[in-house]
Amino acid sequence: TVMMVSGGYPGDYAKGMAITGLDKNPADGVYFHA
């Protein structure tokens, strides 16, 4: 598992950034939304 984080995390980070690519799970895998 590789976690994607917002720039600045664990400190201050922006919210509301549009995300692309999470709509289709990878082959032999899954995206977990956090």
PDB file of all heavy atoms in Angstrom:
ATOM      1  N   THR A   1       0.843  -1.192   0.000  1.00  0.00           N
ATOM      2  CA  THR A   1       0.000   0.000   0.000  1.00  0.00           C
ATOM      3  C   THR A   1       0.876   1.239   0.000  1.00  0.00           C
ATOM      4  O   THR A   1       1.825   1.323   0.783  1.00  0.00           O
ATOM      5  CB  THR A   1      -0.909   0.036   1.240  1.00  0.00           C
ATOM      6  OG1 THR A   1      -1.800  -1.074   1.191  1.00  0.00           O
ATOM      7  CG2 THR A   1      -1.722   1.321   1.306  1.00  0.00           C
ATOM      8  N   VAL A   2       0.541   2.167  -0.869  1.00  0.00           N
ATOM      9  CA  VAL A   2       1.211   3.461  -0.888  1.00  0.00           C
ATOM     10  C   VAL A   2       0.140   4.517  -0.655  1.00  0.00           C
ATOM     11  O   VAL A   2      -0.868   4.561  -1.366  1.00  0.00           O
ATOM     12  CB  VAL A   2       1.951   3.711  -2.216  1.00  0.00           C
ATOM     13  CG1 VAL A   2       2.579   5.101  -2.225  1.00  0.00           C
ATOM     14  CG2 VAL A   2       3.025   2.639  -2.435  1.00  0.00           C
ATOM     15  N   MET A   3       0.353   5.347   0.369  1.00  0.00           N
ATOM     16  CA  MET A   3      -0.611   6.388   0.734  1.00  0.00           C
ATOM     17  C   MET A   3      -0.288   7.687   0.011  1.00  0.00           C
ATOM     18  O   MET A   3       0.864   8.114  -0.012  1.00  0.00           O
ATOM     19  CB  MET A   3      -0.561   6.611   2.251  1.00  0.00           C
ATOM     20  CG  MET A   3      -1.527   7.642   2.783  1.00  0.00           C
ATOM     21  SD  MET A   3      -3.265   7.205   2.635  1.00  0.00           S
ATOM     22  CE  MET A   3      -3.420   5.888   3.815  1.00  0.00           C
ATOM     23  N   MET A   4      -1.314   8.278  -0.570  1.00  0.00           N
ATOM     24  CA  MET A   4      -1.182   9.600  -1.196  1.00  0.00           C
ATOM     25  C   MET A   4      -1.704  10.633  -0.199  1.00  0.00           C
ATOM     26  O   MET A   4      -2.794  10.469   0.348  1.00  0.00           O
ATOM     27  CB  MET A   4      -2.006   9.666  -2.490  1.00  0.00           C
ATOM     28  CG  MET A   4      -1.488   8.740  -3.576  1.00  0.00           C
ATOM     29  SD  MET A   4      -2.645   8.568  -4.948  1.00  0.00           S
ATOM     30  CE  MET A   4      -3.673   7.214  -4.339  1.00  0.00           C
ATOM     31  N   VAL A   5      -0.917  11.665   0.012  1.00  0.00           N
ATOM     32  CA  VAL A   5      -1.295  12.692   0.975  1.00  0.00           C
ATOM     33  C   VAL A   5      -1.290  14.056   0.306  1.00  0.00           C
ATOM     34  O   VAL A   5      -0.705  14.245  -0.763  1.00  0.00           O
ATOM     35  CB  VAL A   5      -0.359  12.690   2.210  1.00  0.00           C
ATOM     36  CG1 VAL A   5      -0.377  11.343   2.898  1.00  0.00           C
ATOM     37  CG2 VAL A   5       1.050  13.093   1.844  1.00  0.00           C
ATOM     38  N   SER A   6      -1.941  14.996   0.971  1.00  0.00           N
ATOM     39  CA  SER A   6      -1.941  16.378   0.496  1.00  0.00           C
ATOM     40  C   SER A   6      -0.623  17.030   0.857  1.00  0.00           C
ATOM     41  O   SER A   6      -0.097  16.811   1.953  1.00  0.00           O
ATOM     42  CB  SER A   6      -3.081  17.167   1.154  1.00  0.00           C
ATOM     43  OG  SER A   6      -4.326  16.720   0.688  1.00  0.00           O
ATOM     44  N   GLY A   7      -0.094  17.835  -0.052  1.00  0.00           N
ATOM     45  CA  GLY A   7       1.136  18.573   0.207  1.00  0.00           C
ATOM     46  C   GLY A   7       1.014  19.362   1.505  1.00  0.00           C
ATOM     47  O   GLY A   7      -0.004  19.990   1.761  1.00  0.00           O
ATOM     48  N   GLY A   8       2.031  19.268   2.344  1.00  0.00           N
ATOM     49  CA  GLY A   8       2.009  19.946   3.641  1.00  0.00           C
ATOM     50  C   GLY A   8       1.656  19.030   4.793  1.00  0.00           C
ATOM     51  O   GLY A   8       1.943  19.329   5.943  1.00  0.00           O
ATOM     52  N   TYR A   9       0.979  17.913   4.499  1.00  0.00           N
ATOM     53  CA  TYR A   9       0.616  16.953   5.538  1.00  0.00           C
ATOM     54  C   TYR A   9       1.891  16.415   6.182  1.00  0.00           C
ATOM     55  O   TYR A   9       2.849  16.145   5.490  1.00  0.00           O
ATOM     56  CB  TYR A   9      -0.184  15.799   4.921  1.00  0.00           C
ATOM     57  CG  TYR A   9      -0.518  14.697   5.896  1.00  0.00           C
ATOM     58  CD1 TYR A   9      -1.597  14.815   6.749  1.00  0.00           C
ATOM     59  CD2 TYR A   9       0.253  13.547   5.961  1.00  0.00           C
ATOM     60  CE1 TYR A   9      -1.889  13.807   7.653  1.00  0.00           C
ATOM     61  CE2 TYR A   9      -0.030  12.538   6.854  1.00  0.00           C
ATOM     62  CZ  TYR A   9      -1.104  12.674   7.696  1.00  0.00           C
ATOM     63  OH  TYR A   9      -1.396  11.686   8.592  1.00  0.00           O
ATOM     64  N   PRO A  10       1.993  16.295   7.486  1.00  0.00           N
ATOM     65  CA  PRO A  10       0.937  16.341   8.483  1.00  0.00           C
ATOM     66  C   PRO A  10       0.639  17.734   9.025  1.00  0.00           C
ATOM     67  O   PRO A  10      -0.189  17.882   9.923  1.00  0.00           O
ATOM     68  CB  PRO A  10       1.460  15.437   9.589  1.00  0.00           C
ATOM     69  CG  PRO A  10       2.941  15.603   9.525  1.00  0.00           C
ATOM     70  CD  PRO A  10       3.253  15.822   8.068  1.00  0.00           C
ATOM     71  N   GLY A  11       1.279  18.744   8.484  1.00  0.00           N
ATOM     72  CA  GLY A  11       0.985  20.112   8.898  1.00  0.00           C
ATOM     73  C   GLY A  11      -0.199  20.654   8.117  1.00  0.00           C
ATOM     74  O   GLY A  11      -1.143  19.932   7.793  1.00  0.00           O
ATOM     75  N   ASP A  12      -0.152  21.930   7.815  1.00  0.00           N
ATOM     76  CA  ASP A  12      -1.234  22.572   7.064  1.00  0.00           C
ATOM     77  C   ASP A  12      -1.266  22.074   5.631  1.00  0.00           C
ATOM     78  O   ASP A  12      -0.220  21.879   5.006  1.00  0.00           O
ATOM     79  CB  ASP A  12      -1.037  24.088   7.060  1.00  0.00           C
ATOM     80  CG  ASP A  12      -1.194  24.686   8.459  1.00  0.00           C
ATOM     81  OD1 ASP A  12      -1.889  24.064   9.290  1.00  0.00           O
ATOM     82  OD2 ASP A  12      -0.622  25.765   8.695  1.00  0.00           O
ATOM     83  N   TYR A  13      -2.464  21.867   5.117  1.00  0.00           N
ATOM     84  CA  TYR A  13      -2.652  21.418   3.742  1.00  0.00           C
ATOM     85  C   TYR A  13      -3.970  21.963   3.217  1.00  0.00           C
ATOM     86  O   TYR A  13      -4.885  22.251   3.985  1.00  0.00           O
ATOM     87  CB  TYR A  13      -2.636  19.886   3.635  1.00  0.00           C
ATOM     88  CG  TYR A  13      -3.591  19.210   4.595  1.00  0.00           C
ATOM     89  CD1 TYR A  13      -4.926  19.021   4.263  1.00  0.00           C
ATOM     90  CD2 TYR A  13      -3.156  18.791   5.846  1.00  0.00           C
ATOM     91  CE1 TYR A  13      -5.796  18.424   5.147  1.00  0.00           C
ATOM     92  CE2 TYR A  13      -4.022  18.190   6.733  1.00  0.00           C
ATOM     93  CZ  TYR A  13      -5.350  18.010   6.375  1.00  0.00           C
ATOM     94  OH  TYR A  13      -6.215  17.416   7.257  1.00  0.00           O
ATOM     95  N   ALA A  14      -4.027  22.103   1.912  1.00  0.00           N
ATOM     96  CA  ALA A  14      -5.242  22.616   1.275  1.00  0.00           C
ATOM     97  C   ALA A  14      -6.280  21.506   1.127  1.00  0.00           C
ATOM     98  O   ALA A  14      -5.931  20.334   0.995  1.00  0.00           O
ATOM     99  CB  ALA A  14      -4.905  23.196  -0.096  1.00  0.00           C
ATOM    100  N   LYS A  15      -7.534  21.880   1.146  1.00  0.00           N
ATOM    101  CA  LYS A  15      -8.649  20.960   0.892  1.00  0.00           C
ATOM    102  C   LYS A  15      -9.370  21.422  -0.360  1.00  0.00           C
ATOM    103  O   LYS A  15      -9.228  22.558  -0.785  1.00  0.00           O
ATOM    104  CB  LYS A  15      -9.629  20.946   2.071  1.00  0.00           C
ATOM    105  CG  LYS A  15      -9.063  20.375   3.344  1.00  0.00           C
ATOM    106  CD  LYS A  15     -10.141  20.359   4.418  1.00  0.00           C
ATOM    107  CE  LYS A  15      -9.624  19.779   5.720  1.00  0.00           C
ATOM    108  NZ  LYS A  15     -10.684  19.702   6.732  1.00  0.00           N
ATOM    109  N   GLY A  16     -10.177  20.518  -0.912  1.00  0.00           N
ATOM    110  CA  GLY A  16     -11.009  20.875  -2.057  1.00  0.00           C
ATOM    111  C   GLY A  16     -10.312  20.770  -3.398  1.00  0.00           C
ATOM    112  O   GLY A  16     -10.842  21.251  -4.400  1.00  0.00           O
ATOM    113  N   MET A  17      -9.139  20.120  -3.446  1.00  0.00           N
ATOM    114  CA  MET A  17      -8.436  19.939  -4.720  1.00  0.00           C
ATOM    115  C   MET A  17      -9.110  18.822  -5.505  1.00  0.00           C
ATOM    116  O   MET A  17      -9.342  17.731  -4.971  1.00  0.00           O
ATOM    117  CB  MET A  17      -6.965  19.572  -4.492  1.00  0.00           C
ATOM    118  CG  MET A  17      -6.180  20.572  -3.681  1.00  0.00           C
ATOM    119  SD  MET A  17      -5.997  22.116  -4.560  1.00  0.00           S
ATOM    120  CE  MET A  17      -6.645  23.243  -3.342  1.00  0.00           C
ATOM    121  N   ALA A  18      -9.436  19.069  -6.775  1.00  0.00           N
ATOM    122  CA  ALA A  18     -10.075  18.057  -7.619  1.00  0.00           C
ATOM    123  C   ALA A  18      -9.140  16.866  -7.801  1.00  0.00           C
ATOM    124  O   ALA A  18      -7.941  17.027  -8.013  1.00  0.00           O
ATOM    125  CB  ALA A  18     -10.441  18.658  -8.972  1.00  0.00           C
ATOM    126  N   ILE A  19      -9.711  15.659  -7.714  1.00  0.00           N
ATOM    127  CA  ILE A  19      -8.944  14.422  -7.859  1.00  0.00           C
ATOM    128  C   ILE A  19      -9.400  13.708  -9.123  1.00  0.00           C
ATOM    129  O   ILE A  19     -10.598  13.539  -9.353  1.00  0.00           O
ATOM    130  CB  ILE A  19      -9.157  13.481  -6.657  1.00  0.00           C
ATOM    131  CG1 ILE A  19      -8.835  14.184  -5.342  1.00  0.00           C
ATOM    132  CG2 ILE A  19      -8.323  12.211  -6.812  1.00  0.00           C
ATOM    133  CD1 ILE A  19      -9.227  13.374  -4.112  1.00  0.00           C
ATOM    134  N   THR A  20      -8.444  13.258  -9.908  1.00  0.00           N
ATOM    135  CA  THR A  20      -8.760  12.418 -11.063  1.00  0.00           C
ATOM    136  C   THR A  20      -8.044  11.086 -10.901  1.00  0.00           C
ATOM    137  O   THR A  20      -6.996  11.001 -10.269  1.00  0.00           O
ATOM    138  CB  THR A  20      -8.314  13.079 -12.390  1.00  0.00           C
ATOM    139  OG1 THR A  20      -6.900  13.300 -12.337  1.00  0.00           O
ATOM    140  CG2 THR A  20      -9.040  14.379 -12.627  1.00  0.00           C
ATOM    141  N   GLY A  21      -8.640  10.046 -11.456  1.00  0.00           N
ATOM    142  CA  GLY A  21      -8.010   8.738 -11.475  1.00  0.00           C
ATOM    143  C   GLY A  21      -8.474   7.758 -10.427  1.00  0.00           C
ATOM    144  O   GLY A  21      -8.130   6.577 -10.502  1.00  0.00           O
ATOM    145  N   LEU A  22      -9.257   8.191  -9.460  1.00  0.00           N
ATOM    146  CA  LEU A  22      -9.726   7.274  -8.417  1.00  0.00           C
ATOM    147  C   LEU A  22     -10.985   6.514  -8.822  1.00  0.00           C
ATOM    148  O   LEU A  22     -11.456   5.664  -8.074  1.00  0.00           O
ATOM    149  CB  LEU A  22     -10.020   8.028  -7.111  1.00  0.00           C
ATOM    150  CG  LEU A  22      -8.834   8.456  -6.267  1.00  0.00           C
ATOM    151  CD1 LEU A  22      -9.307   9.228  -5.037  1.00  0.00           C
ATOM    152  CD2 LEU A  22      -7.981   7.274  -5.852  1.00  0.00           C
ATOM    153  N   ASP A  23     -11.514   6.800  -9.999  1.00  0.00           N
ATOM    154  CA  ASP A  23     -12.793   6.210 -10.403  1.00  0.00           C
ATOM    155  C   ASP A  23     -12.673   4.777 -10.903  1.00  0.00           C
ATOM    156  O   ASP A  23     -13.665   4.065 -11.000  1.00  0.00           O
ATOM    157  CB  ASP A  23     -13.462   7.079 -11.467  1.00  0.00           C
ATOM    158  CG  ASP A  23     -12.554   7.361 -12.651  1.00  0.00           C
ATOM    159  OD1 ASP A  23     -11.324   7.366 -12.473  1.00  0.00           O
ATOM    160  OD2 ASP A  23     -13.077   7.589 -13.752  1.00  0.00           O
ATOM    161  N   LYS A  24     -11.471   4.305 -11.204  1.00  0.00           N
ATOM    162  CA  LYS A  24     -11.284   2.939 -11.688  1.00  0.00           C
ATOM    163  C   LYS A  24     -10.159   2.291 -10.900  1.00  0.00           C
ATOM    164  O   LYS A  24      -9.019   2.747 -10.939  1.00  0.00           O
ATOM    165  CB  LYS A  24     -10.951   2.942 -13.179  1.00  0.00           C
ATOM    166  CG  LYS A  24     -10.851   1.569 -13.764  1.00  0.00           C
ATOM    167  CD  LYS A  24     -10.586   1.612 -15.261  1.00  0.00           C
ATOM    168  CE  LYS A  24     -10.480   0.188 -15.765  1.00  0.00           C
ATOM    169  NZ  LYS A  24      -9.766   0.100 -17.011  1.00  0.00           N
ATOM    170  N   ASN A  25     -10.489   1.206 -10.183  1.00  0.00           N
ATOM    171  CA  ASN A  25      -9.474   0.527  -9.376  1.00  0.00           C
ATOM    172  C   ASN A  25      -8.384  -0.059 -10.267  1.00  0.00           C
ATOM    173  O   ASN A  25      -8.646  -0.486 -11.386  1.00  0.00           O
ATOM    174  CB  ASN A  25     -10.103  -0.592  -8.547  1.00  0.00           C
ATOM    175  CG  ASN A  25     -10.796  -0.075  -7.311  1.00  0.00           C
ATOM    176  OD1 ASN A  25     -10.357   0.890  -6.707  1.00  0.00           O
ATOM    177  ND2 ASN A  25     -11.884  -0.718  -6.926  1.00  0.00           N
ATOM    178  N   PRO A  26      -7.155  -0.116  -9.749  1.00  0.00           N
ATOM    179  CA  PRO A  26      -6.057  -0.708 -10.523  1.00  0.00           C
ATOM    180  C   PRO A  26      -6.239  -2.217 -10.675  1.00  0.00           C
ATOM    181  O   PRO A  26      -6.957  -2.837  -9.882  1.00  0.00           O
ATOM    182  CB  PRO A  26      -4.826  -0.392  -9.677  1.00  0.00           C
ATOM    183  CG  PRO A  26      -5.334  -0.137  -8.306  1.00  0.00           C
ATOM    184  CD  PRO A  26      -6.734   0.377  -8.452  1.00  0.00           C
ATOM    185  N   ALA A  27      -5.584  -2.801 -11.672  1.00  0.00           N
ATOM    186  CA  ALA A  27      -5.617  -4.257 -11.832  1.00  0.00           C
ATOM    187  C   ALA A  27      -5.020  -4.892 -10.580  1.00  0.00           C
ATOM    188  O   ALA A  27      -3.990  -4.444 -10.078  1.00  0.00           O
ATOM    189  CB  ALA A  27      -4.816  -4.658 -13.063  1.00  0.00           C
ATOM    190  N   ASP A  28      -5.669  -5.922 -10.073  1.00  0.00           N
ATOM    191  CA  ASP A  28      -5.217  -6.611  -8.860  1.00  0.00           C
ATOM    192  C   ASP A  28      -5.054  -5.666  -7.677  1.00  0.00           C
ATOM    193  O   ASP A  28      -4.134  -5.809  -6.874  1.00  0.00           O
ATOM    194  CB  ASP A  28      -3.898  -7.361  -9.100  1.00  0.00           C
ATOM    195  CG  ASP A  28      -4.045  -8.482 -10.107  1.00  0.00           C
ATOM    196  OD1 ASP A  28      -5.054  -9.203 -10.041  1.00  0.00           O
ATOM    197  OD2 ASP A  28      -3.155  -8.619 -10.965  1.00  0.00           O
ATOM    198  N   GLY A  29      -5.934  -4.669  -7.600  1.00  0.00           N
ATOM    199  CA  GLY A  29      -5.813  -3.743  -6.497  1.00  0.00           C
ATOM    200  C   GLY A  29      -7.070  -2.938  -6.260  1.00  0.00           C
ATOM    201  O   GLY A  29      -8.106  -3.161  -6.882  1.00  0.00           O
ATOM    202  N   VAL A  30      -6.926  -1.992  -5.353  1.00  0.00           N
ATOM    203  CA  VAL A  30      -8.055  -1.161  -4.969  1.00  0.00           C
ATOM    204  C   VAL A  30      -7.535   0.172  -4.433  1.00  0.00           C
ATOM    205  O   VAL A  30      -6.443   0.240  -3.881  1.00  0.00           O
ATOM    206  CB  VAL A  30      -8.924  -1.880  -3.902  1.00  0.00           C
ATOM    207  CG1 VAL A  30      -8.157  -2.115  -2.616  1.00  0.00           C
ATOM    208  CG2 VAL A  30     -10.219  -1.147  -3.631  1.00  0.00           C
ATOM    209  N   TYR A  31      -8.328   1.218  -4.643  1.00  0.00           N
ATOM    210  CA  TYR A  31      -8.060   2.497  -4.011  1.00  0.00           C
ATOM    211  C   TYR A  31      -8.935   2.591  -2.774  1.00  0.00           C
ATOM    212  O   TYR A  31     -10.134   2.339  -2.835  1.00  0.00           O
ATOM    213  CB  TYR A  31      -8.413   3.669  -4.931  1.00  0.00           C
ATOM    214  CG  TYR A  31      -7.503   3.829  -6.121  1.00  0.00           C
ATOM    215  CD1 TYR A  31      -7.994   3.716  -7.412  1.00  0.00           C
ATOM    216  CD2 TYR A  31      -6.150   4.122  -5.961  1.00  0.00           C
ATOM    217  CE1 TYR A  31      -7.175   3.878  -8.518  1.00  0.00           C
ATOM    218  CE2 TYR A  31      -5.322   4.286  -7.058  1.00  0.00           C
ATOM    219  CZ  TYR A  31      -5.832   4.156  -8.335  1.00  0.00           C
ATOM    220  OH  TYR A  31      -5.006   4.320  -9.412  1.00  0.00           O
ATOM    221  N   PHE A  32      -8.335   2.953  -1.660  1.00  0.00           N
ATOM    222  CA  PHE A  32      -9.080   3.215  -0.441  1.00  0.00           C
ATOM    223  C   PHE A  32      -9.130   4.717  -0.241  1.00  0.00           C
ATOM    224  O   PHE A  32      -8.091   5.370  -0.152  1.00  0.00           O
ATOM    225  CB  PHE A  32      -8.400   2.565   0.774  1.00  0.00           C
ATOM    226  CG  PHE A  32      -8.515   1.074   0.816  1.00  0.00           C
ATOM    227  CD1 PHE A  32      -7.486   0.270   0.349  1.00  0.00           C
ATOM    228  CD2 PHE A  32      -9.643   0.472   1.335  1.00  0.00           C
ATOM    229  CE1 PHE A  32      -7.584  -1.109   0.398  1.00  0.00           C
ATOM    230  CE2 PHE A  32      -9.770  -0.902   1.388  1.00  0.00           C
ATOM    231  CZ  PHE A  32      -8.725  -1.699   0.915  1.00  0.00           C
ATOM    232  N   HIS A  33     -10.332   5.256  -0.169  1.00  0.00           N
ATOM    233  CA  HIS A  33     -10.500   6.687   0.080  1.00  0.00           C
ATOM    234  C   HIS A  33     -10.327   6.940   1.576  1.00  0.00           C
ATOM    235  O   HIS A  33     -10.839   6.204   2.395  1.00  0.00           O
ATOM    236  CB  HIS A  33     -11.901   7.141  -0.346  1.00  0.00           C
ATOM    237  CG  HIS A  33     -12.111   7.126  -1.820  1.00  0.00           C
ATOM    238  ND1 HIS A  33     -12.359   8.269  -2.533  1.00  0.00           N
ATOM    239  CD2 HIS A  33     -12.086   6.126  -2.726  1.00  0.00           C
ATOM    240  CE1 HIS A  33     -12.498   7.964  -3.812  1.00  0.00           C
ATOM    241  NE2 HIS A  33     -12.335   6.670  -3.944  1.00  0.00           N
ATOM    242  N   ALA A  34      -9.604   7.985   1.905  1.00  0.00           N
ATOM    243  CA  ALA A  34      -9.411   8.362   3.301  1.00  0.00           C
ATOM    244  C   ALA A  34      -9.885   9.800   3.500  1.00  0.00           C
ATOM    245  O   ALA A  34     -10.896  10.036   4.145  1.00  0.00           O
ATOM    246  CB  ALA A  34      -7.947   8.205   3.692  1.00  0.00           C
TER     247      ALA A  34
END
